[in-house]
Protein backbone atom coordinates (compact mmCIF):
# COMPACT_ATOMS: atom_id res chain seq x y z
CA MET A 1 55.10 64.06 -97.22
CA ASP A 2 57.72 62.10 -95.29
CA ALA A 3 56.99 64.15 -92.16
CA SER A 4 53.29 63.22 -92.25
CA ARG A 5 53.83 59.52 -92.93
CA ASP A 6 52.90 58.45 -89.37
CA ASP A 7 49.69 60.52 -89.46
CA VAL A 8 48.65 59.17 -92.84
CA LEU A 9 49.24 55.55 -91.83
CA ALA A 10 47.76 55.82 -88.30
CA TYR A 11 44.66 53.88 -89.38
CA MET A 12 46.82 50.78 -89.81
CA ALA A 13 47.17 50.49 -86.01
CA PHE A 14 43.46 49.58 -85.88
CA PRO A 15 42.03 46.16 -86.77
CA ARG A 16 41.63 45.60 -90.50
CA GLU A 17 37.82 45.48 -90.29
CA HIS A 18 37.85 49.11 -89.02
CA TRP A 19 39.79 50.50 -91.97
CA ALA A 20 36.75 51.07 -94.20
CA GLN A 21 34.85 52.85 -91.42
CA ILE A 22 37.83 55.04 -90.54
CA ALA A 23 38.28 56.12 -94.17
CA SER A 24 34.57 56.70 -94.77
CA THR A 25 32.83 60.04 -94.32
CA ASN A 26 29.36 58.45 -94.65
CA PRO A 27 28.30 59.06 -91.01
CA LEU A 28 29.28 62.72 -91.23
CA GLU A 29 27.48 63.12 -94.55
CA GLN A 30 24.37 61.49 -93.07
CA VAL A 31 24.37 63.90 -90.11
CA ASN A 32 24.82 66.88 -92.45
CA ARG A 33 21.89 65.70 -94.61
CA GLU A 34 19.70 65.33 -91.53
CA ILE A 35 20.63 68.83 -90.30
CA LYS A 36 19.79 70.25 -93.72
CA ARG A 37 16.50 68.34 -93.86
CA ARG A 38 15.40 69.62 -90.46
CA ALA A 39 16.62 73.15 -91.12
CA ASP A 40 14.65 73.27 -94.39
CA VAL A 41 11.47 72.42 -92.47
CA ILE A 42 12.06 75.29 -90.04
CA GLY A 43 13.04 77.78 -92.73
CA ILE A 44 14.29 80.84 -90.85
CA PHE A 45 15.96 80.63 -87.46
CA PRO A 46 15.24 83.51 -85.05
CA ASN A 47 18.80 83.54 -83.64
CA ASP A 48 22.06 81.59 -83.43
CA GLU A 49 20.97 79.82 -80.24
CA ALA A 50 18.07 78.21 -82.12
CA ILE A 51 20.51 76.72 -84.65
CA ILE A 52 22.77 75.47 -81.87
CA ARG A 53 19.77 73.84 -80.14
CA LEU A 54 18.71 72.09 -83.35
CA VAL A 55 22.20 70.79 -84.14
CA GLY A 56 22.83 69.87 -80.49
CA ALA A 57 19.56 67.92 -80.28
CA LEU A 58 20.38 66.11 -83.50
CA MET A 59 23.87 65.25 -82.25
CA LEU A 60 22.44 63.86 -79.00
CA GLU A 61 19.87 61.84 -80.93
CA THR A 62 22.55 60.50 -83.29
CA ASN A 63 24.84 59.62 -80.38
CA ASP A 64 22.06 57.72 -78.60
CA GLU A 65 21.13 55.87 -81.78
CA TRP A 66 24.71 54.82 -82.52
CA ALA A 67 25.46 53.91 -78.88
CA VAL A 68 22.47 51.60 -78.48
CA ALA A 69 20.83 50.62 -81.75
CA ARG A 70 23.41 50.85 -84.53
CA ARG A 71 27.02 49.94 -83.94
CA TYR A 72 29.43 51.41 -86.47
CA MET A 73 32.19 49.19 -85.11
CA SER A 74 31.55 46.03 -83.13
CA LEU A 75 32.23 45.97 -79.40
CA GLU A 76 34.49 42.96 -79.85
CA SER A 77 36.69 44.68 -82.41
CA LEU A 78 36.79 47.87 -80.32
CA ALA A 79 37.85 45.83 -77.28
CA ARG A 80 41.00 44.83 -79.16
CA VAL A 81 41.93 48.50 -79.58
CA THR A 82 41.24 49.70 -76.04
CA ASP A 83 43.00 48.97 -72.76
CA THR A 84 39.66 48.05 -71.18
CA PRO A 85 38.96 44.40 -72.10
CA ASN A 86 35.28 44.37 -71.04
CA VAL A 87 33.40 46.92 -73.12
CA ARG A 88 29.70 47.08 -72.18
CA LEU A 89 27.01 49.60 -72.82
CA PRO A 90 25.09 50.72 -69.71
CA ALA A 91 21.77 50.54 -71.61
CA ALA A 92 22.53 47.03 -72.85
CA ALA A 93 23.79 45.66 -69.52
CA SER A 94 21.53 43.04 -68.03
């Protein structure tokens, strides 16, 4: 346990308002539920590539949604963690 102390406490290097998001598995659980929901509609996949396409499309959709519409962590709080002070989204730039 002593050897893994740094790994276990790595979240403390982030701003305090990020701690709950770092510890949470809610986004992963939400993606898994959405994959299951869509897979249940399809029923039987003809091959492995069809599954990869479905999951890949869902991951792209989720990434786009989180990058533009729903921020899991605010840009201001992320700016404190990164070396780049001006964090801007290309889609939100005006």
